[in-house]
C-alpha atoms as a PDB file:
ATOM      1  CA  UNK A   1     -79.029 -82.973 -51.920  1.00  0.00           C
ATOM      2  CA  UNK A   2     -80.613 -83.187 -48.494  1.00  0.00           C
ATOM      3  CA  UNK A   3     -79.351 -80.878 -45.798  1.00  0.00           C
ATOM      4  CA  UNK A   4     -79.311 -82.747 -42.419  1.00  0.00           C
ATOM      5  CA  UNK A   5     -81.157 -81.051 -39.566  1.00  0.00           C
ATOM      6  CA  UNK A   6     -81.531 -81.257 -35.842  1.00  0.00           C
ATOM      7  CA  UNK A   7     -84.911 -80.171 -34.670  1.00  0.00           C
ATOM      8  CA  UNK A   8     -85.279 -78.677 -31.168  1.00  0.00           C
ATOM      9  CA  UNK A   9     -89.083 -78.725 -30.470  1.00  0.00           C
ATOM     10  CA  UNK A  10     -91.056 -80.095 -27.679  1.00  0.00           C
ATOM     11  CA  UNK A  11     -94.562 -80.176 -29.286  1.00  0.00           C
ATOM     12  CA  UNK A  12     -95.508 -83.360 -30.972  1.00  0.00           C
ATOM     13  CA  UNK A  13     -98.296 -81.539 -32.815  1.00  0.00           C
ATOM     14  CA  UNK A  14     -95.823 -79.179 -34.364  1.00  0.00           C
ATOM     15  CA  UNK A  15     -93.314 -81.968 -35.191  1.00  0.00           C
ATOM     16  CA  UNK A  16     -95.935 -84.139 -36.886  1.00  0.00           C
ATOM     17  CA  UNK A  17     -96.533 -81.277 -39.384  1.00  0.00           C
ATOM     18  CA  UNK A  18     -93.169 -79.647 -39.463  1.00  0.00           C
ATOM     19  CA  UNK A  19     -90.988 -82.570 -40.287  1.00  0.00           C
ATOM     20  CA  UNK A  20     -92.839 -83.739 -43.464  1.00  0.00           C
ATOM     21  CA  UNK A  21     -93.022 -80.132 -44.607  1.00  0.00           C
ATOM     22  CA  UNK A  22     -89.402 -79.627 -44.095  1.00  0.00           C
ATOM     23  CA  UNK A  23     -88.618 -82.693 -46.014  1.00  0.00           C
ATOM     24  CA  UNK A  24     -90.911 -81.815 -48.874  1.00  0.00           C
ATOM     25  CA  UNK A  25     -90.608 -77.860 -49.046  1.00  0.00           C
ATOM     26  CA  UNK A  26     -87.025 -77.374 -47.799  1.00  0.00           C
ATOM     27  CA  UNK A  27     -85.234 -80.622 -48.772  1.00  0.00           C
ATOM     28  CA  UNK A  28     -84.103 -81.141 -45.086  1.00  0.00           C
ATOM     29  CA  UNK A  29     -83.530 -84.722 -43.621  1.00  0.00           C
ATOM     30  CA  UNK A  30     -84.152 -84.884 -39.873  1.00  0.00           C
ATOM     31  CA  UNK A  31     -81.193 -86.650 -38.249  1.00  0.00           C
ATOM     32  CA  UNK A  32     -82.201 -85.876 -34.526  1.00  0.00           C
ATOM     33  CA  UNK A  33     -85.230 -84.458 -32.448  1.00  0.00           C
ATOM     34  CA  UNK A  34     -84.752 -83.068 -29.085  1.00  0.00           C
ATOM     35  CA  UNK A  35     -87.439 -81.777 -26.812  1.00  0.00           C
ATOM     36  CA  UNK A  36     -85.187 -80.348 -23.993  1.00  0.00           C
ATOM     37  CA  UNK A  37     -82.148 -78.080 -24.060  1.00  0.00           C
ATOM     38  CA  UNK A  38     -80.061 -80.687 -22.555  1.00  0.00           C
ATOM     39  CA  UNK A  39     -80.979 -83.410 -25.128  1.00  0.00           C
ATOM     40  CA  UNK A  40     -80.458 -80.742 -27.856  1.00  0.00           C
ATOM     41  CA  UNK A  41     -76.920 -80.020 -26.645  1.00  0.00           C
ATOM     42  CA  UNK A  42     -76.266 -83.754 -26.524  1.00  0.00           C
ATOM     43  CA  UNK A  43     -77.515 -84.182 -30.069  1.00  0.00           C
ATOM     44  CA  UNK A  44     -75.402 -81.315 -31.270  1.00  0.00           C
ATOM     45  CA  UNK A  45     -72.403 -83.147 -29.740  1.00  0.00           C
ATOM     46  CA  UNK A  46     -73.362 -86.650 -30.960  1.00  0.00           C
ATOM     47  CA  UNK A  47     -73.859 -85.368 -34.431  1.00  0.00           C
ATOM     48  CA  UNK A  48     -71.173 -82.692 -34.492  1.00  0.00           C
ATOM     49  CA  UNK A  49     -70.023 -83.514 -38.041  1.00  0.00           C
ATOM     50  CA  UNK A  50     -73.426 -84.542 -39.357  1.00  0.00           C
ATOM     51  CA  UNK A  51     -75.874 -81.592 -39.369  1.00  0.00           C
ATOM     52  CA  UNK A  52     -76.137 -78.756 -41.447  1.00  0.00           C
ATOM     53  CA  UNK A  53     -78.914 -76.965 -39.791  1.00  0.00           C
ATOM     54  CA  UNK A  54     -80.328 -76.782 -36.305  1.00  0.00           C
ATOM     55  CA  UNK A  55     -83.865 -75.517 -35.984  1.00  0.00           C
ATOM     56  CA  UNK A  56     -84.543 -74.193 -32.525  1.00  0.00           C
ATOM     57  CA  UNK A  57     -87.753 -73.418 -30.611  1.00  0.00           C
ATOM     58  CA  UNK A  58     -87.132 -71.154 -27.633  1.00  0.00           C
ATOM     59  CA  UNK A  59     -89.609 -72.436 -24.986  1.00  0.00           C
ATOM     60  CA  UNK A  60     -89.024 -76.099 -24.300  1.00  0.00           C
ATOM     61  CA  UNK A  61     -90.208 -78.471 -21.681  1.00  0.00           C
ATOM     62  CA  UNK A  62     -86.791 -78.163 -19.800  1.00  0.00           C
ATOM     63  CA  UNK A  63     -84.510 -75.354 -20.483  1.00  0.00           C
ATOM     64  CA  UNK A  64     -84.390 -72.807 -23.168  1.00  0.00           C
ATOM     65  CA  UNK A  65     -83.569 -72.634 -26.879  1.00  0.00           C
ATOM     66  CA  UNK A  66     -81.436 -69.692 -25.921  1.00  0.00           C
ATOM     67  CA  UNK A  67     -79.087 -72.335 -24.036  1.00  0.00           C
ATOM     68  CA  UNK A  68     -78.992 -74.362 -27.208  1.00  0.00           C
ATOM     69  CA  UNK A  69     -78.003 -71.220 -29.183  1.00  0.00           C
ATOM     70  CA  UNK A  70     -75.199 -70.843 -26.701  1.00  0.00           C
ATOM     71  CA  UNK A  71     -74.083 -74.368 -26.996  1.00  0.00           C
ATOM     72  CA  UNK A  72     -73.852 -74.150 -30.882  1.00  0.00           C
ATOM     73  CA  UNK A  73     -72.182 -70.768 -31.074  1.00  0.00           C
ATOM     74  CA  UNK A  74     -69.001 -72.603 -31.780  1.00  0.00           C
ATOM     75  CA  UNK A  75     -69.757 -74.613 -34.933  1.00  0.00           C
ATOM     76  CA  UNK A  76     -68.483 -75.081 -38.373  1.00  0.00           C
ATOM     77  CA  UNK A  77     -69.037 -72.176 -40.772  1.00  0.00           C
ATOM     78  CA  UNK A  78     -71.372 -74.320 -42.914  1.00  0.00           C
ATOM     79  CA  UNK A  79     -73.642 -75.227 -39.927  1.00  0.00           C
ATOM     80  CA  UNK A  80     -76.492 -72.884 -39.541  1.00  0.00           C
ATOM     81  CA  UNK A  81     -78.847 -72.240 -36.448  1.00  0.00           C
ATOM     82  CA  UNK A  82     -82.328 -71.077 -37.127  1.00  0.00           C
ATOM     83  CA  UNK A  83     -84.783 -69.986 -34.485  1.00  0.00           C
ATOM     84  CA  UNK A  84     -88.462 -71.010 -35.281  1.00  0.00           C
ATOM     85  CA  UNK A  85     -90.737 -69.582 -32.528  1.00  0.00           C
ATOM     86  CA  UNK A  86     -93.986 -68.165 -31.792  1.00  0.00           C
ATOM     87  CA  UNK A  87     -92.372 -65.321 -29.882  1.00  0.00           C
ATOM     88  CA  UNK A  88     -90.376 -63.441 -32.655  1.00  0.00           C
ATOM     89  CA  UNK A  89     -90.455 -60.047 -31.099  1.00  0.00           C
ATOM     90  CA  UNK A  90     -87.784 -57.537 -32.083  1.00  0.00           C
ATOM     91  CA  UNK A  91     -86.147 -58.104 -28.685  1.00  0.00           C
ATOM     92  CA  UNK A  92     -86.242 -61.942 -29.028  1.00  0.00           C
ATOM     93  CA  UNK A  93     -84.798 -61.471 -32.466  1.00  0.00           C
ATOM     94  CA  UNK A  94     -81.936 -59.401 -31.380  1.00  0.00           C
ATOM     95  CA  UNK A  95     -81.008 -61.660 -28.514  1.00  0.00           C
ATOM     96  CA  UNK A  96     -81.111 -64.761 -30.715  1.00  0.00           C
ATOM     97  CA  UNK A  97     -78.807 -63.059 -33.374  1.00  0.00           C
ATOM     98  CA  UNK A  98     -76.369 -61.915 -30.588  1.00  0.00           C
ATOM     99  CA  UNK A  99     -76.243 -65.552 -29.428  1.00  0.00           C
ATOM    100  CA  UNK A 100     -75.459 -66.790 -33.022  1.00  0.00           C
ATOM    101  CA  UNK A 101     -78.683 -67.538 -34.608  1.00  0.00           C
ATOM    102  CA  UNK A 102     -78.302 -67.086 -38.504  1.00  0.00           C
ATOM    103  CA  UNK A 103     -82.010 -66.327 -38.857  1.00  0.00           C
ATOM    104  CA  UNK A 104     -85.156 -66.069 -36.716  1.00  0.00           C
ATOM    105  CA  UNK A 105     -88.845 -66.801 -37.878  1.00  0.00           C
ATOM    106  CA  UNK A 106     -92.176 -66.642 -36.482  1.00  0.00           C
ATOM    107  CA  UNK A 107     -93.842 -70.075 -36.604  1.00  0.00           C
ATOM    108  CA  UNK A 108     -97.427 -68.661 -37.303  1.00  0.00           C
ATOM    109  CA  UNK A 109     -96.570 -65.911 -39.805  1.00  0.00           C
ATOM    110  CA  UNK A 110     -93.132 -66.613 -41.338  1.00  0.00           C
ATOM    111  CA  UNK A 111     -93.142 -70.331 -42.538  1.00  0.00           C
ATOM    112  CA  UNK A 112     -92.719 -69.462 -46.055  1.00  0.00           C
ATOM    113  CA  UNK A 113     -89.682 -67.258 -45.316  1.00  0.00           C
ATOM    114  CA  UNK A 114     -88.189 -70.132 -43.148  1.00  0.00           C
ATOM    115  CA  UNK A 115     -88.595 -72.686 -45.953  1.00  0.00           C
ATOM    116  CA  UNK A 116     -87.087 -70.077 -48.483  1.00  0.00           C
ATOM    117  CA  UNK A 117     -84.157 -69.604 -46.173  1.00  0.00           C
ATOM    118  CA  UNK A 118     -83.645 -73.379 -45.894  1.00  0.00           C
ATOM    119  CA  UNK A 119     -83.866 -73.724 -49.642  1.00  0.00           C
ATOM    120  CA  UNK A 120     -81.306 -70.970 -50.069  1.00  0.00           C
ATOM    121  CA  UNK A 121     -78.809 -72.847 -47.875  1.00  0.00           C
ATOM    122  CA  UNK A 122     -79.434 -76.004 -50.035  1.00  0.00           C
ATOM    123  CA  UNK A 123     -78.968 -74.068 -53.161  1.00  0.00           C
ATOM    124  CA  UNK A 124     -75.807 -72.560 -51.945  1.00  0.00           C
ATOM    125  CA  UNK A 125     -74.333 -75.785 -50.972  1.00  0.00           C
ATOM    126  CA  UNK A 126     -74.940 -77.141 -54.593  1.00  0.00           C
ATOM    127  CA  UNK A 127     -73.306 -74.154 -56.032  1.00  0.00           C
ATOM    128  CA  UNK A 128     -70.339 -74.285 -53.836  1.00  0.00           C
ATOM    129  CA  UNK A 129     -69.869 -77.961 -53.523  1.00  0.00           C
ATOM    130  CA  UNK A 130     -69.401 -79.261 -50.038  1.00  0.00           C
ATOM    131  CA  UNK A 131     -69.901 -76.164 -48.112  1.00  0.00           C
ATOM    132  CA  UNK A 132     -72.813 -73.845 -47.407  1.00  0.00           C
ATOM    133  CA  UNK A 133     -70.780 -70.603 -48.131  1.00  0.00           C
ATOM    134  CA  UNK A 134     -71.302 -67.287 -46.474  1.00  0.00           C
ATOM    135  CA  UNK A 135     -75.090 -66.985 -46.216  1.00  0.00           C
ATOM    136  CA  UNK A 136     -76.327 -64.112 -44.001  1.00  0.00           C
ATOM    137  CA  UNK A 137     -79.941 -63.724 -42.754  1.00  0.00           C
END
């Protein structure tokens, strides 16, 4: 069963490699891509009932991934917010978690952990039926 994902990323180079990898390695189906905070917030609203995971980069062409995290802080229990950034310092991780991120991963060193986390969400959904259950990072 595919999990539906919204990707918030402004780099076409990263998108070209990340989307196929997410499909193949994490069983994620991308339903929307946003390159700015405003377009990401619109996608969250437009697909409010149709996403399971939002993958957020922090530095965007316009706005910040932190704005996106604030916008999706109020979401269904089974919807997860994951930050995938090149700037996963201890302070950034803490800030993201306070804003409601379920997990924070570094793009350059933690992609395996990111894919494992996404797979755990899918496995949990299959075990629990329709919901993702209570998965903590």
